[in-house]
Amino acid sequence: MKEKLVFVVESPFSQRDWSRFAIDYLSTQFEVAILDITGLVDRDFWYRNKVLQISNPLIHSFERVDDLLAHLEQVAPVAMIMNLGLHSYRRQLINYSRKNKIVTAEFQLGAIPGDTSVISFGSKIRLFCSRPKKTMQALKLRVERIRYSNMSPTLFFRGGQAAIARSPLKETRVIDVHSLDYELVRELKDRLPWESSISSQQYVVYIDQDLGFHPDFARNEVKPPVTPEVFYPALCDFFSNLAKHTGLEVIVAPHPRSDRTRTMKLFPNTTVSDTPTAELIRNSRAVLTHYSTAVSFAIMFEKPVVQIVTSELLNSTQMKFVAAYSQALGSDPLNIDDFTQFQDFEERFINYDQERYEQYFHLYISAGQDQFRHSWEIVAAEIRKEIESLS
């Protein structure tokens, strides 16, 4: 009989989550159940977004703590993978696991430049004046980090040296695996022939982040960093001029959570592709981005990356991420509001810093030496090893 493993999450579990967290594979190794506690952590968010959750008998949603604990008693798992923030429910689950000798595991498989950026004192004052509620939430989180400092999981899996744990890892065994993007690229290389030369590619990819409408801004009560009526026309003008002067078409890779119909209206004269972003980048000449986790695809496929910004974005709260990506890639962001030197653009599409790309790979994509096993194979094996050590 398989050991029982529960996967605890705090967002509606989508088909994309099912795939990227390899539930099908984990189900071959354990008897898996997914426990969704979104209704406990953020009830309003749950009622607005529960439609995103796929219907599957392995997924169970909870809005009452007593129901969650009763379900755990019934299932009696030997291992628990948690994808949670810092809050009282996380503490209850850690305490429950320790009491019942359950192996706990957390992971960070998608760290990005800017995750550890320090906000200046002046910026903190401006932030408090403009968004006092948000600032108080940040202070509360800082206090919670102290309160939960002894709530270390048994195992922490990191996809890159820059991965961040949600709590101190005082009693935790840290294990190197790979980022989710690494696994996507490996699967793509295995499935399709790969031509590494970029000389014959006749398009560049723009990684859309849905900056004017991304749902995370509303959930976190943060104003979008750009004004759609200004930002998207500026992008369209830039893409048009770029194609005119270089002969390279721009193809938009839409954000996976964006409204496709709206995105197509925002880019009326530009192709909005339904091809997976990794595959688009794999066959492109170069990549245009502001800051995005999808930069990992460009690093792994060795494609030049050109950072583009607007004056409005440079003066927004997201500037720390723009600056962090600029430092990681070793290039200066290009302000499209006042850029006219398209005749010199070709050089940007053929050059990249090999040393910086290698450093980016180890920091944000994969720090481990085991490049052949899938991340979730490593996760399953290490959890099983920990279970056996407790028996």
Protein backbone atom coordinates (compact mmCIF):
# COMPACT_ATOMS: atom_id res chain seq x y z
CA MET A 1 0.00 0.00 0.00
CA LYS A 2 1.28 3.48 -0.90
CA GLU A 3 2.11 6.01 1.81
CA LYS A 4 -0.31 8.94 2.00
CA LEU A 5 0.90 12.40 1.03
CA VAL A 6 -1.08 15.65 1.20
CA PHE A 7 -0.26 18.73 -0.88
CA VAL A 8 -1.53 21.88 0.92
CA VAL A 9 -2.13 25.02 -1.15
CA GLU A 10 -3.73 28.44 -0.62
CA SER A 11 -4.89 29.24 -4.16
CA PRO A 12 -7.48 27.48 -6.34
CA PHE A 13 -5.73 24.48 -7.89
CA SER A 14 -5.77 24.84 -11.68
CA GLN A 15 -4.91 22.41 -14.46
CA ARG A 16 -1.64 24.31 -14.85
CA ASP A 17 -0.85 23.65 -11.16
CA TRP A 18 -1.69 19.97 -11.61
CA SER A 19 0.86 19.75 -14.42
CA ARG A 20 3.70 21.88 -13.03
CA PHE A 21 3.52 20.24 -9.59
CA ALA A 22 3.60 16.81 -11.29
CA ILE A 23 0.58 15.42 -9.46
CA ASP A 24 0.32 12.54 -11.94
CA TYR A 25 3.90 11.49 -11.15
CA LEU A 26 3.55 11.97 -7.39
CA SER A 27 0.43 9.79 -7.54
CA THR A 28 2.56 6.92 -8.82
CA GLN A 29 4.73 7.19 -5.70
CA PHE A 30 2.18 8.10 -3.02
CA GLU A 31 -1.54 8.17 -2.37
CA VAL A 32 -1.97 11.90 -3.00
CA ALA A 33 -4.62 14.34 -1.82
CA ILE A 34 -4.64 18.10 -2.47
CA LEU A 35 -5.92 20.22 0.41
CA ASP A 36 -6.93 23.71 -0.67
CA ILE A 37 -7.20 26.15 2.26
CA THR A 38 -7.79 29.30 0.21
CA GLY A 39 -11.15 29.71 1.95
CA LEU A 40 -9.36 29.87 5.30
CA VAL A 41 -6.54 32.18 4.29
CA ASP A 42 -8.54 34.62 2.14
CA ARG A 43 -12.26 33.89 1.95
CA ASP A 44 -13.09 36.81 -0.36
CA PHE A 45 -10.41 35.74 -2.83
CA TRP A 46 -11.71 32.17 -2.68
CA TYR A 47 -15.28 33.17 -3.57
CA ARG A 48 -14.08 35.37 -6.44
CA ASN A 49 -11.75 32.75 -7.91
CA LYS A 50 -12.90 29.25 -6.91
CA VAL A 51 -14.22 28.78 -10.43
CA LEU A 52 -10.55 28.45 -11.48
CA GLN A 53 -10.21 25.24 -9.48
CA ILE A 54 -10.44 22.05 -11.52
CA SER A 55 -12.90 19.38 -10.51
CA ASN A 56 -11.05 16.29 -9.30
CA PRO A 57 -11.76 13.84 -6.46
CA LEU A 58 -8.20 14.32 -5.17
CA ILE A 59 -8.85 18.03 -4.45
CA HIS A 60 -10.57 19.02 -1.21
CA SER A 61 -11.37 22.63 -0.22
CA PHE A 62 -11.82 23.88 3.34
CA GLU A 63 -13.37 26.97 4.90
CA ARG A 64 -13.33 25.73 8.51
CA VAL A 65 -10.25 24.71 10.49
CA ASP A 66 -12.15 21.92 12.24
CA ASP A 67 -13.02 20.36 8.87
CA LEU A 68 -9.37 20.53 7.78
CA LEU A 69 -8.08 18.88 10.96
CA ALA A 70 -10.82 16.23 10.84
CA HIS A 71 -9.84 15.41 7.25
CA LEU A 72 -6.19 15.08 8.24
CA GLU A 73 -7.16 12.71 11.05
CA GLN A 74 -9.11 10.61 8.56
CA VAL A 75 -6.38 10.57 5.89
CA ALA A 76 -3.49 10.11 8.36
CA PRO A 77 -0.73 11.22 5.94
CA VAL A 78 2.93 10.43 6.48
CA ALA A 79 4.11 13.46 4.48
CA MET A 80 2.86 16.96 3.77
CA ILE A 81 4.07 19.29 1.00
CA MET A 82 3.11 22.90 1.77
CA ASN A 83 2.90 25.79 -0.65
CA LEU A 84 1.83 28.40 1.90
CA GLY A 85 2.70 31.85 3.17
CA LEU A 86 3.24 32.84 6.79
CA HIS A 87 0.00 32.77 8.76
CA SER A 88 -1.64 30.98 11.67
CA TYR A 89 -2.86 28.08 9.48
CA ARG A 90 0.68 27.29 8.45
CA ARG A 91 1.68 27.20 12.12
CA GLN A 92 -1.21 24.87 12.96
CA LEU A 93 -0.21 22.49 10.17
CA ILE A 94 3.46 22.48 11.26
CA ASN A 95 2.44 21.79 14.87
CA TYR A 96 0.01 19.07 13.77
CA SER A 97 2.74 17.45 11.66
CA ARG A 98 5.26 17.48 14.49
CA LYS A 99 2.76 15.99 16.91
CA ASN A 100 1.93 13.20 14.47
CA LYS A 101 5.48 12.67 13.12
CA ILE A 102 4.57 13.78 9.59
CA VAL A 103 7.38 14.79 7.24
CA THR A 104 6.86 18.39 6.05
CA ALA A 105 8.32 19.79 2.85
CA GLU A 106 8.32 23.25 1.28
CA PHE A 107 9.83 24.47 -1.96
CA GLN A 108 10.82 27.54 -3.94
CA LEU A 109 11.17 26.63 -7.59
CA GLY A 110 10.72 30.06 -9.14
CA ALA A 111 12.96 32.67 -7.52
CA ILE A 112 13.54 35.83 -9.57
CA PRO A 113 15.92 38.79 -9.41
CA GLY A 114 14.48 41.38 -7.05
CA ASP A 115 12.96 38.96 -4.55
CA THR A 116 15.44 40.13 -1.92
CA SER A 117 15.69 43.78 -2.99
CA VAL A 118 15.83 46.22 -0.09
CA ILE A 119 13.48 49.20 -0.19
CA SER A 120 15.12 52.48 0.83
CA PHE A 121 13.91 54.36 3.93
CA GLY A 122 12.59 57.21 1.77
CA SER A 123 10.64 54.76 -0.36
CA LYS A 124 9.16 53.19 2.77
CA ILE A 125 7.92 56.59 3.95
CA ARG A 126 6.35 57.29 0.55
CA LEU A 127 4.81 53.82 0.55
CA PHE A 128 3.27 54.36 3.98
CA CYS A 129 1.80 57.73 2.95
CA SER A 130 0.31 56.36 -0.27
CA ARG A 131 -0.75 52.92 1.00
CA PRO A 132 -0.87 52.80 4.83
CA LYS A 133 -2.96 49.60 4.87
CA LYS A 134 -0.45 47.80 2.65
CA THR A 135 2.44 49.02 4.80
CA MET A 136 0.78 47.73 7.96
CA GLN A 137 0.31 44.35 6.28
CA ALA A 138 4.05 44.29 5.50
CA LEU A 139 4.86 45.10 9.14
CA LYS A 140 2.52 42.34 10.26
CA LEU A 141 4.31 39.89 7.97
CA ARG A 142 7.66 40.95 9.48
CA VAL A 143 6.29 40.20 12.98
CA GLU A 144 4.92 36.86 11.78
CA ARG A 145 8.36 35.90 10.47
CA ILE A 146 9.65 36.30 14.04
CA ARG A 147 6.67 34.46 15.54
CA TYR A 148 7.07 31.53 13.17
CA SER A 149 10.88 31.40 13.28
CA ASN A 150 10.75 27.94 14.86
CA MET A 151 8.24 26.63 12.31
CA SER A 152 10.85 25.06 10.06
CA PRO A 153 9.79 22.30 7.62
CA THR A 154 11.62 18.99 7.58
CA LEU A 155 12.78 19.50 3.97
CA PHE A 156 13.23 22.55 1.76
CA PHE A 157 13.70 22.09 -2.00
CA ARG A 158 15.28 25.00 -3.87
CA GLY A 159 15.43 25.61 -7.60
CA GLY A 160 18.52 27.80 -7.65
CA GLN A 161 20.81 29.31 -5.03
CA ALA A 162 18.68 32.46 -4.73
CA ALA A 163 15.57 30.54 -3.64
CA ILE A 164 13.91 32.06 -0.59
CA ALA A 165 12.39 30.09 2.27
CA ARG A 166 9.29 31.51 3.92
CA SER A 167 10.81 30.89 7.35
CA PRO A 168 14.27 30.29 8.83
CA LEU A 169 15.57 26.81 8.08
CA LYS A 170 17.06 26.08 11.48
CA GLU A 171 16.23 22.37 11.52
CA THR A 172 15.65 21.86 7.82
CA ARG A 173 17.53 19.78 5.30
CA VAL A 174 18.00 21.90 2.14
CA ILE A 175 18.02 20.02 -1.16
CA ASP A 176 18.89 21.40 -4.60
CA VAL A 177 16.47 20.67 -7.42
CA HIS A 178 15.48 22.67 -10.52
CA SER A 179 13.05 25.46 -11.31
CA LEU A 180 9.72 24.69 -12.95
CA ASP A 181 10.95 26.44 -16.10
CA TYR A 182 13.97 24.12 -16.26
CA GLU A 183 11.66 21.13 -16.40
CA LEU A 184 9.55 22.70 -19.16
CA VAL A 185 12.62 23.37 -21.30
CA ARG A 186 13.99 19.87 -20.78
CA GLU A 187 10.68 18.36 -21.86
CA LEU A 188 10.61 20.63 -24.91
CA LYS A 189 14.14 19.68 -25.95
CA ASP A 190 13.28 16.00 -25.58
CA ARG A 191 10.07 16.33 -27.59
CA LEU A 192 11.18 18.52 -30.51
CA PRO A 193 14.40 18.88 -32.54
CA TRP A 194 16.28 21.96 -31.40
CA GLU A 195 18.17 24.35 -33.64
CA SER A 196 20.46 26.45 -31.47
CA SER A 197 21.42 28.95 -34.17
CA ILE A 198 19.47 32.24 -34.03
CA SER A 199 20.71 33.61 -37.34
CA SER A 200 17.74 32.36 -39.38
CA GLN A 201 14.97 33.29 -36.93
CA GLN A 202 12.79 36.13 -38.18
CA TYR A 203 10.84 37.20 -35.10
CA VAL A 204 11.35 38.38 -31.55
CA VAL A 205 9.14 37.49 -28.59
CA TYR A 206 7.57 40.07 -26.29
CA ILE A 207 6.82 38.51 -22.89
CA ASP A 208 3.52 40.07 -21.86
CA GLN A 209 3.01 40.40 -18.10
CA ASP A 210 -0.49 41.88 -18.21
CA LEU A 211 0.94 44.84 -16.30
CA GLY A 212 -2.19 46.93 -16.66
CA PHE A 213 -4.60 44.25 -15.44
CA HIS A 214 -2.76 41.47 -13.58
CA PRO A 215 -5.08 40.04 -10.86
CA ASP A 216 -2.28 39.97 -8.26
CA PHE A 217 -2.28 43.76 -8.14
CA ALA A 218 -5.94 43.80 -7.08
CA ARG A 219 -5.46 40.93 -4.61
CA ASN A 220 -2.52 42.73 -2.97
CA GLU A 221 -4.28 46.11 -3.14
CA VAL A 222 -1.51 47.52 -5.30
CA LYS A 223 -2.10 49.99 -8.11
CA PRO A 224 -0.99 48.59 -11.50
CA PRO A 225 2.42 50.05 -12.44
CA VAL A 226 1.21 51.34 -15.81
CA THR A 227 -1.79 53.15 -17.27
CA PRO A 228 -3.24 50.89 -20.00
CA GLU A 229 -4.36 53.81 -22.19
CA VAL A 230 -0.76 55.06 -22.34
CA PHE A 231 1.34 51.93 -21.95
CA TYR A 232 -0.08 49.65 -24.63
CA PRO A 233 -0.16 52.25 -27.45
CA ALA A 234 3.50 53.00 -26.66
CA LEU A 235 4.33 49.30 -26.98
CA CYS A 236 2.43 49.02 -30.27
CA ASP A 237 4.28 52.01 -31.74
CA PHE A 238 7.60 50.54 -30.64
CA PHE A 239 6.82 47.12 -32.16
CA SER A 240 5.77 48.76 -35.43
CA ASN A 241 8.97 50.80 -35.69
CA LEU A 242 11.08 47.81 -34.74
CA ALA A 243 9.57 45.70 -37.52
CA LYS A 244 9.93 48.56 -40.01
CA HIS A 245 13.63 49.14 -39.35
CA THR A 246 14.84 45.56 -38.68
CA GLY A 247 12.42 43.39 -40.66
CA LEU A 248 11.77 41.35 -37.50
CA GLU A 249 8.16 40.69 -36.54
CA VAL A 250 7.24 40.98 -32.87
CA ILE A 251 5.11 38.13 -31.48
CA VAL A 252 3.36 38.54 -28.14
CA ALA A 253 3.54 35.66 -25.66
CA PRO A 254 0.49 36.44 -23.49
CA HIS A 255 0.55 35.99 -19.74
CA PRO A 256 -1.06 32.62 -18.87
CA ARG A 257 -3.59 34.28 -16.54
CA SER A 258 -4.53 37.15 -18.83
CA ASP A 259 -7.77 37.61 -20.76
CA ARG A 260 -6.79 36.55 -24.28
CA THR A 261 -9.58 38.52 -25.96
CA ARG A 262 -8.51 41.69 -24.16
CA THR A 263 -4.84 41.08 -24.94
CA MET A 264 -5.60 40.78 -28.65
CA LYS A 265 -7.45 44.11 -28.53
CA LEU A 266 -4.48 45.73 -26.79
CA PHE A 267 -2.17 44.58 -29.61
CA PRO A 268 -4.40 44.98 -32.72
CA ASN A 269 -1.55 44.88 -35.26
CA THR A 270 0.68 42.33 -33.50
CA THR A 271 0.37 38.55 -33.44
CA VAL A 272 -0.75 37.26 -30.04
CA SER A 273 0.38 33.64 -30.08
CA ASP A 274 -1.23 30.62 -28.44
CA THR A 275 2.04 28.69 -28.71
CA PRO A 276 3.60 27.95 -25.28
CA THR A 277 6.03 30.71 -24.28
CA ALA A 278 8.98 28.34 -23.95
CA GLU A 279 8.47 27.07 -27.49
CA LEU A 280 8.07 30.60 -28.88
CA ILE A 281 11.32 31.71 -27.25
CA ARG A 282 13.11 28.54 -28.36
CA ASN A 283 12.53 29.44 -32.03
CA SER A 284 12.97 33.21 -31.74
CA ARG A 285 15.75 35.60 -32.60
CA ALA A 286 15.62 37.42 -29.25
CA VAL A 287 13.34 38.31 -26.34
CA LEU A 288 11.78 41.61 -25.23
CA THR A 289 10.82 41.88 -21.57
CA HIS A 290 10.37 44.24 -18.64
CA TYR A 291 11.02 41.66 -15.91
CA SER A 292 9.57 38.17 -16.00
CA THR A 293 10.14 34.63 -14.77
CA ALA A 294 10.02 33.63 -18.47
CA VAL A 295 13.47 35.19 -18.88
CA SER A 296 14.64 31.78 -17.68
CA PHE A 297 13.63 30.35 -21.06
CA ALA A 298 15.82 32.89 -22.85
CA ILE A 299 18.75 32.00 -20.58
CA MET A 300 18.41 28.27 -21.21
CA PHE A 301 17.91 28.65 -24.97
CA GLU A 302 20.75 31.22 -25.10
CA LYS A 303 18.65 34.00 -26.63
CA PRO A 304 19.60 37.68 -26.26
CA VAL A 305 17.30 39.59 -23.88
CA VAL A 306 16.42 43.26 -24.40
CA GLN A 307 14.76 44.98 -21.44
CA ILE A 308 12.22 47.61 -22.46
CA VAL A 309 10.48 50.08 -20.15
CA THR A 310 8.47 53.29 -20.23
CA SER A 311 8.98 56.37 -18.09
CA GLU A 312 5.86 55.47 -16.13
CA LEU A 313 7.14 51.95 -15.38
CA LEU A 314 10.52 53.32 -14.30
CA ASN A 315 8.76 55.49 -11.69
CA SER A 316 6.47 52.72 -10.44
CA THR A 317 6.68 50.38 -7.46
CA GLN A 318 7.95 47.65 -9.82
CA MET A 319 11.16 49.52 -10.59
CA LYS A 320 13.08 47.37 -8.11
CA PHE A 321 12.40 44.33 -10.30
CA VAL A 322 13.38 46.19 -13.47
CA ALA A 323 16.65 47.21 -11.80
CA ALA A 324 17.29 43.72 -10.43
CA TYR A 325 16.86 42.11 -13.85
CA SER A 326 19.07 44.77 -15.41
CA GLN A 327 21.83 43.96 -12.94
CA ALA A 328 21.40 40.20 -13.38
CA LEU A 329 21.55 40.45 -17.19
CA GLY A 330 24.25 43.13 -17.31
CA SER A 331 22.29 45.49 -19.56
CA ASP A 332 20.57 48.86 -19.36
CA PRO A 333 16.77 49.00 -19.77
CA LEU A 334 15.67 50.70 -22.98
CA ASN A 335 13.10 53.47 -22.46
CA ILE A 336 10.82 53.19 -25.48
CA ASP A 337 9.24 56.59 -24.77
CA ASP A 338 12.23 58.37 -26.25
CA PHE A 339 14.06 55.73 -28.29
CA THR A 340 14.69 56.38 -31.98
CA GLN A 341 17.95 54.58 -32.83
CA PHE A 342 16.34 51.54 -34.48
CA GLN A 343 19.08 51.33 -37.08
CA ASP A 344 21.48 50.25 -34.30
CA PHE A 345 19.13 47.67 -32.85
CA GLU A 346 20.52 44.65 -34.69
CA GLU A 347 23.50 44.46 -32.34
CA ARG A 348 21.18 44.01 -29.37
CA PHE A 349 19.69 40.92 -30.99
CA ILE A 350 22.93 39.02 -31.45
CA ASN A 351 24.79 39.62 -28.18
CA TYR A 352 24.43 38.34 -24.65
CA ASP A 353 26.80 37.98 -21.70
CA GLN A 354 27.66 34.27 -21.40
CA GLU A 355 29.09 34.66 -17.89
CA ARG A 356 25.97 36.48 -16.68
CA TYR A 357 23.75 33.80 -18.21
CA GLU A 358 25.65 31.05 -16.40
CA GLN A 359 25.38 32.94 -13.12
CA TYR A 360 21.65 33.49 -13.68
CA PHE A 361 21.23 29.76 -14.31
CA HIS A 362 22.78 28.76 -10.98
CA LEU A 363 21.01 31.47 -8.99
CA TYR A 364 17.50 31.20 -10.39
CA ILE A 365 17.15 28.00 -12.42
CA SER A 366 19.20 25.14 -10.99
CA ALA A 367 21.92 25.01 -8.37
CA GLY A 368 22.09 21.23 -8.17
CA GLN A 369 24.49 18.80 -9.73
CA ASP A 370 21.77 16.24 -10.49
CA GLN A 371 20.76 17.61 -13.89
CA PHE A 372 19.22 14.36 -15.15
CA ARG A 373 16.52 13.53 -12.64
CA HIS A 374 13.26 15.48 -12.69
CA SER A 375 12.75 17.77 -9.68
CA TRP A 376 9.72 15.88 -8.48
CA GLU A 377 11.60 12.58 -8.72
CA ILE A 378 14.14 14.07 -6.31
CA VAL A 379 11.35 15.41 -4.08
CA ALA A 380 9.62 12.02 -3.91
CA ALA A 381 12.88 10.17 -3.21
CA GLU A 382 13.97 12.56 -0.44
CA ILE A 383 10.55 12.50 1.22
CA ARG A 384 10.59 8.71 1.15
CA LYS A 385 14.11 8.71 2.63
CA GLU A 386 12.90 10.96 5.47
CA ILE A 387 9.85 8.77 6.11
CA GLU A 388 12.06 5.70 6.41
CA SER A 389 14.36 7.47 8.87
CA LEU A 390 11.37 8.05 11.18
CA SER A 391 10.11 4.46 11.06
